[in-house]
């Protein structure tokens, strides 16, 4: 099973938080996908 995290109002996240989210997804990137993230918000993302 792959956990799915859904972030509502993701357009309100600052750059620092988006970098932290990127690091979460970078775990063993070439071997496995630890989770899926769906970011919902305005089109600025």
C-alpha atoms as a PDB file:
ATOM      1  CA  UNK A   1       0.000   0.000   0.000  1.00  0.00           C
ATOM      2  CA  UNK A   2       1.099   3.550  -0.688  1.00  0.00           C
ATOM      3  CA  UNK A   3      -0.005   6.240   1.766  1.00  0.00           C
ATOM      4  CA  UNK A   4      -1.610   9.307   0.188  1.00  0.00           C
ATOM      5  CA  UNK A   5      -1.376  12.742   1.817  1.00  0.00           C
ATOM      6  CA  UNK A   6      -3.743  15.436   0.594  1.00  0.00           C
ATOM      7  CA  UNK A   7      -2.895  19.077   1.315  1.00  0.00           C
ATOM      8  CA  UNK A   8      -5.766  21.538   0.928  1.00  0.00           C
ATOM      9  CA  UNK A   9      -5.001  25.250   0.471  1.00  0.00           C
ATOM     10  CA  UNK A  10      -1.482  24.333  -0.596  1.00  0.00           C
ATOM     11  CA  UNK A  11      -1.078  27.749  -2.204  1.00  0.00           C
ATOM     12  CA  UNK A  12      -0.667  29.137   1.321  1.00  0.00           C
ATOM     13  CA  UNK A  13       2.480  27.067   1.978  1.00  0.00           C
ATOM     14  CA  UNK A  14       5.684  29.071   1.964  1.00  0.00           C
ATOM     15  CA  UNK A  15       8.799  28.085   0.017  1.00  0.00           C
ATOM     16  CA  UNK A  16      10.479  26.655   3.127  1.00  0.00           C
ATOM     17  CA  UNK A  17       7.629  24.211   3.708  1.00  0.00           C
ATOM     18  CA  UNK A  18       7.571  23.125   0.038  1.00  0.00           C
ATOM     19  CA  UNK A  19      11.279  22.287   0.273  1.00  0.00           C
ATOM     20  CA  UNK A  20      10.554  20.113   3.334  1.00  0.00           C
ATOM     21  CA  UNK A  21       7.817  18.297   1.418  1.00  0.00           C
ATOM     22  CA  UNK A  22      10.280  17.671  -1.430  1.00  0.00           C
ATOM     23  CA  UNK A  23      12.718  16.089   1.030  1.00  0.00           C
ATOM     24  CA  UNK A  24       9.966  13.753   2.264  1.00  0.00           C
ATOM     25  CA  UNK A  25       9.454  12.475  -1.269  1.00  0.00           C
ATOM     26  CA  UNK A  26      13.185  12.175  -1.975  1.00  0.00           C
ATOM     27  CA  UNK A  27      13.611   9.080   0.245  1.00  0.00           C
ATOM     28  CA  UNK A  28      15.083   6.239  -1.869  1.00  0.00           C
ATOM     29  CA  UNK A  29      13.676   7.971  -4.936  1.00  0.00           C
ATOM     30  CA  UNK A  30      15.121   5.491  -7.408  1.00  0.00           C
ATOM     31  CA  UNK A  31      14.081   2.416  -5.400  1.00  0.00           C
ATOM     32  CA  UNK A  32      10.594   3.148  -4.110  1.00  0.00           C
ATOM     33  CA  UNK A  33       7.943   5.783  -3.695  1.00  0.00           C
ATOM     34  CA  UNK A  34       7.227   6.227   0.030  1.00  0.00           C
ATOM     35  CA  UNK A  35       3.989   8.173  -0.444  1.00  0.00           C
ATOM     36  CA  UNK A  36       1.916  10.226  -2.830  1.00  0.00           C
ATOM     37  CA  UNK A  37       1.075  13.857  -2.152  1.00  0.00           C
ATOM     38  CA  UNK A  38      -1.881  15.654  -3.708  1.00  0.00           C
ATOM     39  CA  UNK A  39      -1.642  19.427  -3.364  1.00  0.00           C
ATOM     40  CA  UNK A  40      -4.907  21.290  -3.890  1.00  0.00           C
ATOM     41  CA  UNK A  41      -5.076  25.053  -4.099  1.00  0.00           C
ATOM     42  CA  UNK A  42      -5.004  28.040  -6.378  1.00  0.00           C
ATOM     43  CA  UNK A  43      -3.187  27.895  -9.696  1.00  0.00           C
ATOM     44  CA  UNK A  44      -0.059  29.671  -8.351  1.00  0.00           C
ATOM     45  CA  UNK A  45       1.428  26.300  -7.388  1.00  0.00           C
END
